[in-house]
Amino acid sequence: MLLLLIEMSEEAIQNYIDKIEDLKEDINLDKPLILKAINIPNLMTNPTEYLKTIAFDYYESKTPEQKEAIEIGEAEAKQIIKKYVKS
């Protein structure tokens, strides 16, 4: 992973940091809603399905720009995993 970061320009790295900071702000604004929305019995019954549902609902509530940032992050993560994780 370190080699990937070295290959990236400083500007690209700063852009990722800026996007992460923007997402942190969005998440912090949504924290009260997220905590209020957690259904502990459902979480304990089927944690995987419950978290998938919460994640999907959260994603659907975002603006197109935020969705694009999420999709970019997921694509980058998949490329990094493919490059560095041996199956």
PDB file of N, CA and C in Angstrom:
ATOM      1  N   MET A   1       0.828  -1.181   0.000  1.00  0.00           N
ATOM      2  CA  MET A   1       0.000   0.000   0.000  1.00  0.00           C
ATOM      3  C   MET A   1       0.873   1.245   0.000  1.00  0.00           C
ATOM      4  N   LEU A   2       1.996   1.176   0.681  1.00  0.00           N
ATOM      5  CA  LEU A   2       2.902   2.318   0.731  1.00  0.00           C
ATOM      6  C   LEU A   2       3.391   2.689  -0.664  1.00  0.00           C
ATOM      7  N   LEU A   3       3.678   1.680  -1.480  1.00  0.00           N
ATOM      8  CA  LEU A   3       4.131   1.957  -2.844  1.00  0.00           C
ATOM      9  C   LEU A   3       3.065   2.697  -3.646  1.00  0.00           C
ATOM     10  N   LEU A   4       1.817   2.346  -3.435  1.00  0.00           N
ATOM     11  CA  LEU A   4       0.722   3.026  -4.131  1.00  0.00           C
ATOM     12  C   LEU A   4       0.685   4.494  -3.741  1.00  0.00           C
ATOM     13  N   LEU A   5       0.846   4.775  -2.469  1.00  0.00           N
ATOM     14  CA  LEU A   5       0.823   6.164  -2.003  1.00  0.00           C
ATOM     15  C   LEU A   5       2.004   6.959  -2.549  1.00  0.00           C
ATOM     16  N   ILE A   6       3.147   6.323  -2.654  1.00  0.00           N
ATOM     17  CA  ILE A   6       4.328   7.001  -3.174  1.00  0.00           C
ATOM     18  C   ILE A   6       4.115   7.367  -4.641  1.00  0.00           C
ATOM     19  N   GLU A   7       3.449   6.483  -5.384  1.00  0.00           N
ATOM     20  CA  GLU A   7       3.217   6.719  -6.804  1.00  0.00           C
ATOM     21  C   GLU A   7       2.211   7.836  -7.049  1.00  0.00           C
ATOM     22  N   MET A   8       1.369   8.118  -6.100  1.00  0.00           N
ATOM     23  CA  MET A   8       0.347   9.144  -6.272  1.00  0.00           C
ATOM     24  C   MET A   8       0.962  10.528  -6.091  1.00  0.00           C
ATOM     25  N   SER A   9       0.459  11.481  -6.817  1.00  0.00           N
ATOM     26  CA  SER A   9       0.949  12.841  -6.655  1.00  0.00           C
ATOM     27  C   SER A   9       0.450  13.410  -5.332  1.00  0.00           C
ATOM     28  N   GLU A  10       1.138  14.416  -4.855  1.00  0.00           N
ATOM     29  CA  GLU A  10       0.708  15.063  -3.615  1.00  0.00           C
ATOM     30  C   GLU A  10      -0.694  15.640  -3.762  1.00  0.00           C
ATOM     31  N   GLU A  11      -0.990  16.160  -4.952  1.00  0.00           N
ATOM     32  CA  GLU A  11      -2.321  16.734  -5.180  1.00  0.00           C
ATOM     33  C   GLU A  11      -3.408  15.667  -5.080  1.00  0.00           C
ATOM     34  N   ALA A  12      -3.149  14.502  -5.654  1.00  0.00           N
ATOM     35  CA  ALA A  12      -4.127  13.415  -5.596  1.00  0.00           C
ATOM     36  C   ALA A  12      -4.344  12.974  -4.157  1.00  0.00           C
ATOM     37  N   ILE A  13      -3.260  12.883  -3.408  1.00  0.00           N
ATOM     38  CA  ILE A  13      -3.370  12.501  -2.000  1.00  0.00           C
ATOM     39  C   ILE A  13      -4.181  13.541  -1.242  1.00  0.00           C
ATOM     40  N   GLN A  14      -3.906  14.822  -1.492  1.00  0.00           N
ATOM     41  CA  GLN A  14      -4.649  15.871  -0.809  1.00  0.00           C
ATOM     42  C   GLN A  14      -6.128  15.822  -1.180  1.00  0.00           C
ATOM     43  N   ASN A  15      -6.422  15.502  -2.443  1.00  0.00           N
ATOM     44  CA  ASN A  15      -7.821  15.374  -2.865  1.00  0.00           C
ATOM     45  C   ASN A  15      -8.529  14.263  -2.090  1.00  0.00           C
ATOM     46  N   TYR A  16      -7.856  13.115  -1.903  1.00  0.00           N
ATOM     47  CA  TYR A  16      -8.445  12.030  -1.116  1.00  0.00           C
ATOM     48  C   TYR A  16      -8.658  12.466   0.327  1.00  0.00           C
ATOM     49  N   ILE A  17      -7.688  13.145   0.893  1.00  0.00           N
ATOM     50  CA  ILE A  17      -7.815  13.611   2.275  1.00  0.00           C
ATOM     51  C   ILE A  17      -8.995  14.573   2.392  1.00  0.00           C
ATOM     52  N   ASP A  18      -9.123  15.483   1.426  1.00  0.00           N
ATOM     53  CA  ASP A  18     -10.236  16.429   1.441  1.00  0.00           C
ATOM     54  C   ASP A  18     -11.584  15.706   1.356  1.00  0.00           C
ATOM     55  N   LYS A  19     -11.663  14.696   0.494  1.00  0.00           N
ATOM     56  CA  LYS A  19     -12.912  13.939   0.355  1.00  0.00           C
ATOM     57  C   LYS A  19     -13.246  13.214   1.651  1.00  0.00           C
ATOM     58  N   ILE A  20     -12.222  12.638   2.278  1.00  0.00           N
ATOM     59  CA  ILE A  20     -12.436  11.942   3.544  1.00  0.00           C
ATOM     60  C   ILE A  20     -12.927  12.922   4.607  1.00  0.00           C
ATOM     61  N   GLU A  21     -12.338  14.095   4.662  1.00  0.00           N
ATOM     62  CA  GLU A  21     -12.766  15.101   5.633  1.00  0.00           C
ATOM     63  C   GLU A  21     -14.211  15.520   5.387  1.00  0.00           C
ATOM     64  N   ASP A  22     -14.582  15.685   4.114  1.00  0.00           N
ATOM     65  CA  ASP A  22     -15.972  16.028   3.786  1.00  0.00           C
ATOM     66  C   ASP A  22     -16.923  14.933   4.244  1.00  0.00           C
ATOM     67  N   LEU A  23     -16.532  13.677   4.010  1.00  0.00           N
ATOM     68  CA  LEU A  23     -17.382  12.567   4.444  1.00  0.00           C
ATOM     69  C   LEU A  23     -17.482  12.505   5.964  1.00  0.00           C
ATOM     70  N   LYS A  24     -16.378  12.790   6.654  1.00  0.00           N
ATOM     71  CA  LYS A  24     -16.414  12.818   8.119  1.00  0.00           C
ATOM     72  C   LYS A  24     -17.412  13.855   8.612  1.00  0.00           C
ATOM     73  N   GLU A  25     -17.410  15.039   7.989  1.00  0.00           N
ATOM     74  CA  GLU A  25     -18.349  16.084   8.380  1.00  0.00           C
ATOM     75  C   GLU A  25     -19.785  15.624   8.164  1.00  0.00           C
ATOM     76  N   ASP A  26     -20.046  14.998   7.020  1.00  0.00           N
ATOM     77  CA  ASP A  26     -21.394  14.499   6.740  1.00  0.00           C
ATOM     78  C   ASP A  26     -21.823  13.467   7.772  1.00  0.00           C
ATOM     79  N   ILE A  27     -20.919  12.552   8.093  1.00  0.00           N
ATOM     80  CA  ILE A  27     -21.235  11.511   9.064  1.00  0.00           C
ATOM     81  C   ILE A  27     -21.486  12.125  10.439  1.00  0.00           C
ATOM     82  N   ASN A  28     -20.655  13.093  10.826  1.00  0.00           N
ATOM     83  CA  ASN A  28     -20.853  13.744  12.121  1.00  0.00           C
ATOM     84  C   ASN A  28     -22.203  14.441  12.195  1.00  0.00           C
ATOM     85  N   LEU A  29     -22.625  15.045  11.093  1.00  0.00           N
ATOM     86  CA  LEU A  29     -23.937  15.688  11.068  1.00  0.00           C
ATOM     87  C   LEU A  29     -25.065  14.659  11.187  1.00  0.00           C
ATOM     88  N   ASP A  30     -24.824  13.465  10.665  1.00  0.00           N
ATOM     89  CA  ASP A  30     -25.841  12.417  10.670  1.00  0.00           C
ATOM     90  C   ASP A  30     -25.805  11.525  11.912  1.00  0.00           C
ATOM     91  N   LYS A  31     -24.818  11.694  12.780  1.00  0.00           N
ATOM     92  CA  LYS A  31     -24.687  10.817  13.949  1.00  0.00           C
ATOM     93  C   LYS A  31     -25.962  10.706  14.774  1.00  0.00           C
ATOM     94  N   PRO A  32     -26.601  11.818  15.125  1.00  0.00           N
ATOM     95  CA  PRO A  32     -27.827  11.682  15.932  1.00  0.00           C
ATOM     96  C   PRO A  32     -28.903  10.846  15.238  1.00  0.00           C
ATOM     97  N   LEU A  33     -29.026  11.020  13.945  1.00  0.00           N
ATOM     98  CA  LEU A  33     -30.017  10.240  13.201  1.00  0.00           C
ATOM     99  C   LEU A  33     -29.637   8.767  13.155  1.00  0.00           C
ATOM    100  N   ILE A  34     -28.347   8.516  12.973  1.00  0.00           N
ATOM    101  CA  ILE A  34     -27.872   7.130  12.913  1.00  0.00           C
ATOM    102  C   ILE A  34     -28.105   6.435  14.252  1.00  0.00           C
ATOM    103  N   LEU A  35     -27.706   7.082  15.343  1.00  0.00           N
ATOM    104  CA  LEU A  35     -27.862   6.470  16.663  1.00  0.00           C
ATOM    105  C   LEU A  35     -29.332   6.271  17.017  1.00  0.00           C
ATOM    106  N   LYS A  36     -30.154   7.212  16.631  1.00  0.00           N
ATOM    107  CA  LYS A  36     -31.592   7.112  16.901  1.00  0.00           C
ATOM    108  C   LYS A  36     -32.221   5.967  16.105  1.00  0.00           C
ATOM    109  N   ALA A  37     -31.654   5.682  14.943  1.00  0.00           N
ATOM    110  CA  ALA A  37     -32.233   4.691  14.040  1.00  0.00           C
ATOM    111  C   ALA A  37     -31.844   3.252  14.359  1.00  0.00           C
ATOM    112  N   ILE A  38     -30.859   3.031  15.211  1.00  0.00           N
ATOM    113  CA  ILE A  38     -30.391   1.663  15.483  1.00  0.00           C
ATOM    114  C   ILE A  38     -31.454   0.886  16.262  1.00  0.00           C
ATOM    115  N   ASN A  39     -31.780  -0.265  15.740  1.00  0.00           N
ATOM    116  CA  ASN A  39     -32.741  -1.165  16.374  1.00  0.00           C
ATOM    117  C   ASN A  39     -31.947  -2.353  16.927  1.00  0.00           C
ATOM    118  N   ILE A  40     -31.662  -2.317  18.203  1.00  0.00           N
ATOM    119  CA  ILE A  40     -30.797  -3.328  18.826  1.00  0.00           C
ATOM    120  C   ILE A  40     -31.333  -4.754  18.647  1.00  0.00           C
ATOM    121  N   PRO A  41     -32.625  -5.019  18.858  1.00  0.00           N
ATOM    122  CA  PRO A  41     -33.095  -6.397  18.651  1.00  0.00           C
ATOM    123  C   PRO A  41     -32.843  -6.907  17.221  1.00  0.00           C
ATOM    124  N   ASN A  42     -33.091  -6.066  16.218  1.00  0.00           N
ATOM    125  CA  ASN A  42     -32.834  -6.482  14.841  1.00  0.00           C
ATOM    126  C   ASN A  42     -31.343  -6.664  14.585  1.00  0.00           C
ATOM    127  N   LEU A  43     -30.536  -5.786  15.150  1.00  0.00           N
ATOM    128  CA  LEU A  43     -29.087  -5.898  15.005  1.00  0.00           C
ATOM    129  C   LEU A  43     -28.590  -7.215  15.591  1.00  0.00           C
ATOM    130  N   MET A  44     -29.106  -7.587  16.735  1.00  0.00           N
ATOM    131  CA  MET A  44     -28.657  -8.815  17.392  1.00  0.00           C
ATOM    132  C   MET A  44     -29.181 -10.075  16.688  1.00  0.00           C
ATOM    133  N   THR A  45     -30.350  -9.983  16.067  1.00  0.00           N
ATOM    134  CA  THR A  45     -30.940 -11.139  15.394  1.00  0.00           C
ATOM    135  C   THR A  45     -30.175 -11.510  14.133  1.00  0.00           C
ATOM    136  N   ASN A  46     -29.891 -10.501  13.297  1.00  0.00           N
ATOM    137  CA  ASN A  46     -29.198 -10.759  12.029  1.00  0.00           C
ATOM    138  C   ASN A  46     -28.293  -9.559  11.735  1.00  0.00           C
ATOM    139  N   PRO A  47     -27.114  -9.507  12.360  1.00  0.00           N
ATOM    140  CA  PRO A  47     -26.254  -8.328  12.230  1.00  0.00           C
ATOM    141  C   PRO A  47     -25.858  -7.994  10.797  1.00  0.00           C
ATOM    142  N   THR A  48     -25.518  -8.996  10.006  1.00  0.00           N
ATOM    143  CA  THR A  48     -25.066  -8.738   8.634  1.00  0.00           C
ATOM    144  C   THR A  48     -26.166  -8.090   7.811  1.00  0.00           C
ATOM    145  N   GLU A  49     -27.343  -8.671   7.830  1.00  0.00           N
ATOM    146  CA  GLU A  49     -28.452  -8.132   7.043  1.00  0.00           C
ATOM    147  C   GLU A  49     -28.877  -6.758   7.561  1.00  0.00           C
ATOM    148  N   TYR A  50     -28.880  -6.608   8.875  1.00  0.00           N
ATOM    149  CA  TYR A  50     -29.265  -5.325   9.464  1.00  0.00           C
ATOM    150  C   TYR A  50     -28.299  -4.219   9.028  1.00  0.00           C
ATOM    151  N   LEU A  51     -27.007  -4.485   9.090  1.00  0.00           N
ATOM    152  CA  LEU A  51     -26.016  -3.476   8.701  1.00  0.00           C
ATOM    153  C   LEU A  51     -26.067  -3.174   7.210  1.00  0.00           C
ATOM    154  N   LYS A  52     -26.345  -4.190   6.387  1.00  0.00           N
ATOM    155  CA  LYS A  52     -26.511  -3.953   4.949  1.00  0.00           C
ATOM    156  C   LYS A  52     -27.691  -3.010   4.697  1.00  0.00           C
ATOM    157  N   THR A  53     -28.773  -3.243   5.410  1.00  0.00           N
ATOM    158  CA  THR A  53     -29.970  -2.404   5.242  1.00  0.00           C
ATOM    159  C   THR A  53     -29.692  -0.974   5.673  1.00  0.00           C
ATOM    160  N   ILE A  54     -29.026  -0.811   6.807  1.00  0.00           N
ATOM    161  CA  ILE A  54     -28.685   0.534   7.307  1.00  0.00           C
ATOM    162  C   ILE A  54     -27.768   1.238   6.305  1.00  0.00           C
ATOM    163  N   ALA A  55     -26.761   0.521   5.810  1.00  0.00           N
ATOM    164  CA  ALA A  55     -25.818   1.114   4.856  1.00  0.00           C
ATOM    165  C   ALA A  55     -26.536   1.535   3.576  1.00  0.00           C
ATOM    166  N   PHE A  56     -27.428   0.694   3.086  1.00  0.00           N
ATOM    167  CA  PHE A  56     -28.163   1.022   1.863  1.00  0.00           C
ATOM    168  C   PHE A  56     -29.042   2.253   2.080  1.00  0.00           C
ATOM    169  N   ASP A  57     -29.743   2.304   3.199  1.00  0.00           N
ATOM    170  CA  ASP A  57     -30.594   3.466   3.499  1.00  0.00           C
ATOM    171  C   ASP A  57     -29.760   4.736   3.615  1.00  0.00           C
ATOM    172  N   TYR A  58     -28.613   4.629   4.254  1.00  0.00           N
ATOM    173  CA  TYR A  58     -27.722   5.783   4.389  1.00  0.00           C
ATOM    174  C   TYR A  58     -27.260   6.252   3.004  1.00  0.00           C
ATOM    175  N   TYR A  59     -26.832   5.310   2.185  1.00  0.00           N
ATOM    176  CA  TYR A  59     -26.364   5.635   0.831  1.00  0.00           C
ATOM    177  C   TYR A  59     -27.476   6.315   0.032  1.00  0.00           C
ATOM    178  N   GLU A  60     -28.667   5.785   0.103  1.00  0.00           N
ATOM    179  CA  GLU A  60     -29.783   6.340  -0.662  1.00  0.00           C
ATOM    180  C   GLU A  60     -30.143   7.754  -0.217  1.00  0.00           C
ATOM    181  N   SER A  61     -29.806   8.120   0.998  1.00  0.00           N
ATOM    182  CA  SER A  61     -30.141   9.457   1.505  1.00  0.00           C
ATOM    183  C   SER A  61     -29.122  10.525   1.087  1.00  0.00           C
ATOM    184  N   LYS A  62     -28.043  10.123   0.457  1.00  0.00           N
ATOM    185  CA  LYS A  62     -26.968  11.051   0.104  1.00  0.00           C
ATOM    186  C   LYS A  62     -27.228  11.750  -1.226  1.00  0.00           C
ATOM    187  N   THR A  63     -26.522  12.869  -1.417  1.00  0.00           N
ATOM    188  CA  THR A  63     -26.613  13.615  -2.673  1.00  0.00           C
ATOM    189  C   THR A  63     -25.855  12.864  -3.764  1.00  0.00           C
ATOM    190  N   PRO A  64     -26.099  13.190  -5.029  1.00  0.00           N
ATOM    191  CA  PRO A  64     -25.358  12.528  -6.103  1.00  0.00           C
ATOM    192  C   PRO A  64     -23.840  12.679  -5.951  1.00  0.00           C
ATOM    193  N   GLU A  65     -23.389  13.822  -5.486  1.00  0.00           N
ATOM    194  CA  GLU A  65     -21.945  14.032  -5.309  1.00  0.00           C
ATOM    195  C   GLU A  65     -21.395  13.124  -4.215  1.00  0.00           C
ATOM    196  N   GLN A  66     -22.143  12.978  -3.140  1.00  0.00           N
ATOM    197  CA  GLN A  66     -21.708  12.111  -2.054  1.00  0.00           C
ATOM    198  C   GLN A  66     -21.715  10.651  -2.503  1.00  0.00           C
ATOM    199  N   LYS A  67     -22.719  10.270  -3.265  1.00  0.00           N
ATOM    200  CA  LYS A  67     -22.765   8.904  -3.788  1.00  0.00           C
ATOM    201  C   LYS A  67     -21.566   8.639  -4.694  1.00  0.00           C
ATOM    202  N   GLU A  68     -21.223   9.630  -5.509  1.00  0.00           N
ATOM    203  CA  GLU A  68     -20.067   9.475  -6.386  1.00  0.00           C
ATOM    204  C   GLU A  68     -18.797   9.275  -5.569  1.00  0.00           C
ATOM    205  N   ALA A  69     -18.642  10.031  -4.487  1.00  0.00           N
ATOM    206  CA  ALA A  69     -17.461   9.892  -3.627  1.00  0.00           C
ATOM    207  C   ALA A  69     -17.412   8.495  -3.002  1.00  0.00           C
ATOM    208  N   ILE A  70     -18.556   7.998  -2.583  1.00  0.00           N
ATOM    209  CA  ILE A  70     -18.612   6.652  -2.007  1.00  0.00           C
ATOM    210  C   ILE A  70     -18.210   5.616  -3.052  1.00  0.00           C
ATOM    211  N   GLU A  71     -18.741   5.757  -4.256  1.00  0.00           N
ATOM    212  CA  GLU A  71     -18.435   4.803  -5.320  1.00  0.00           C
ATOM    213  C   GLU A  71     -16.956   4.853  -5.705  1.00  0.00           C
ATOM    214  N   ILE A  72     -16.378   6.045  -5.740  1.00  0.00           N
ATOM    215  CA  ILE A  72     -14.950   6.176  -6.043  1.00  0.00           C
ATOM    216  C   ILE A  72     -14.126   5.468  -4.966  1.00  0.00           C
ATOM    217  N   GLY A  73     -14.494   5.690  -3.721  1.00  0.00           N
ATOM    218  CA  GLY A  73     -13.782   5.043  -2.610  1.00  0.00           C
ATOM    219  C   GLY A  73     -13.874   3.530  -2.673  1.00  0.00           C
ATOM    220  N   GLU A  74     -15.059   3.016  -2.991  1.00  0.00           N
ATOM    221  CA  GLU A  74     -15.228   1.571  -3.098  1.00  0.00           C
ATOM    222  C   GLU A  74     -14.391   1.000  -4.240  1.00  0.00           C
ATOM    223  N   ALA A  75     -14.382   1.688  -5.381  1.00  0.00           N
ATOM    224  CA  ALA A  75     -13.601   1.219  -6.535  1.00  0.00           C
ATOM    225  C   ALA A  75     -12.110   1.206  -6.204  1.00  0.00           C
ATOM    226  N   GLU A  76     -11.633   2.264  -5.563  1.00  0.00           N
ATOM    227  CA  GLU A  76     -10.222   2.330  -5.176  1.00  0.00           C
ATOM    228  C   GLU A  76      -9.882   1.227  -4.185  1.00  0.00           C
ATOM    229  N   ALA A  77     -10.757   1.001  -3.223  1.00  0.00           N
ATOM    230  CA  ALA A  77     -10.509  -0.044  -2.224  1.00  0.00           C
ATOM    231  C   ALA A  77     -10.417  -1.415  -2.891  1.00  0.00           C
ATOM    232  N   LYS A  78     -11.322  -1.674  -3.843  1.00  0.00           N
ATOM    233  CA  LYS A  78     -11.289  -2.961  -4.539  1.00  0.00           C
ATOM    234  C   LYS A  78      -9.986  -3.132  -5.310  1.00  0.00           C
ATOM    235  N   GLN A  79      -9.500  -2.071  -5.952  1.00  0.00           N
ATOM    236  CA  GLN A  79      -8.243  -2.153  -6.692  1.00  0.00           C
ATOM    237  C   GLN A  79      -7.069  -2.414  -5.753  1.00  0.00           C
ATOM    238  N   ILE A  80      -7.050  -1.747  -4.623  1.00  0.00           N
ATOM    239  CA  ILE A  80      -5.985  -1.943  -3.643  1.00  0.00           C
ATOM    240  C   ILE A  80      -6.002  -3.370  -3.117  1.00  0.00           C
ATOM    241  N   ILE A  81      -7.187  -3.854  -2.789  1.00  0.00           N
ATOM    242  CA  ILE A  81      -7.299  -5.231  -2.280  1.00  0.00           C
ATOM    243  C   ILE A  81      -6.836  -6.219  -3.333  1.00  0.00           C
ATOM    244  N   LYS A  82      -7.259  -6.019  -4.565  1.00  0.00           N
ATOM    245  CA  LYS A  82      -6.880  -6.922  -5.651  1.00  0.00           C
ATOM    246  C   LYS A  82      -5.356  -6.923  -5.843  1.00  0.00           C
ATOM    247  N   LYS A  83      -4.749  -5.759  -5.701  1.00  0.00           N
ATOM    248  CA  LYS A  83      -3.309  -5.632  -5.924  1.00  0.00           C
ATOM    249  C   LYS A  83      -2.483  -6.239  -4.791  1.00  0.00           C
ATOM    250  N   TYR A  84      -2.949  -6.073  -3.568  1.00  0.00           N
ATOM    251  CA  TYR A  84      -2.107  -6.444  -2.416  1.00  0.00           C
ATOM    252  C   TYR A  84      -2.543  -7.693  -1.664  1.00  0.00           C
ATOM    253  N   VAL A  85      -3.732  -8.171  -1.931  1.00  0.00           N
ATOM    254  CA  VAL A  85      -4.201  -9.363  -1.195  1.00  0.00           C
ATOM    255  C   VAL A  85      -4.174 -10.549  -2.135  1.00  0.00           C
ATOM    256  N   LYS A  86      -3.422 -11.532  -1.764  1.00  0.00           N
ATOM    257  CA  LYS A  86      -3.314 -12.758  -2.557  1.00  0.00           C
ATOM    258  C   LYS A  86      -4.451 -13.687  -2.162  1.00  0.00           C
ATOM    259  N   SER A  87      -5.159 -14.195  -3.158  1.00  0.00           N
ATOM    260  CA  SER A  87      -6.276 -15.117  -2.874  1.00  0.00           C
ATOM    261  C   SER A  87      -5.787 -16.529  -2.731  1.00  0.00           C
TER     262      SER A  87
END
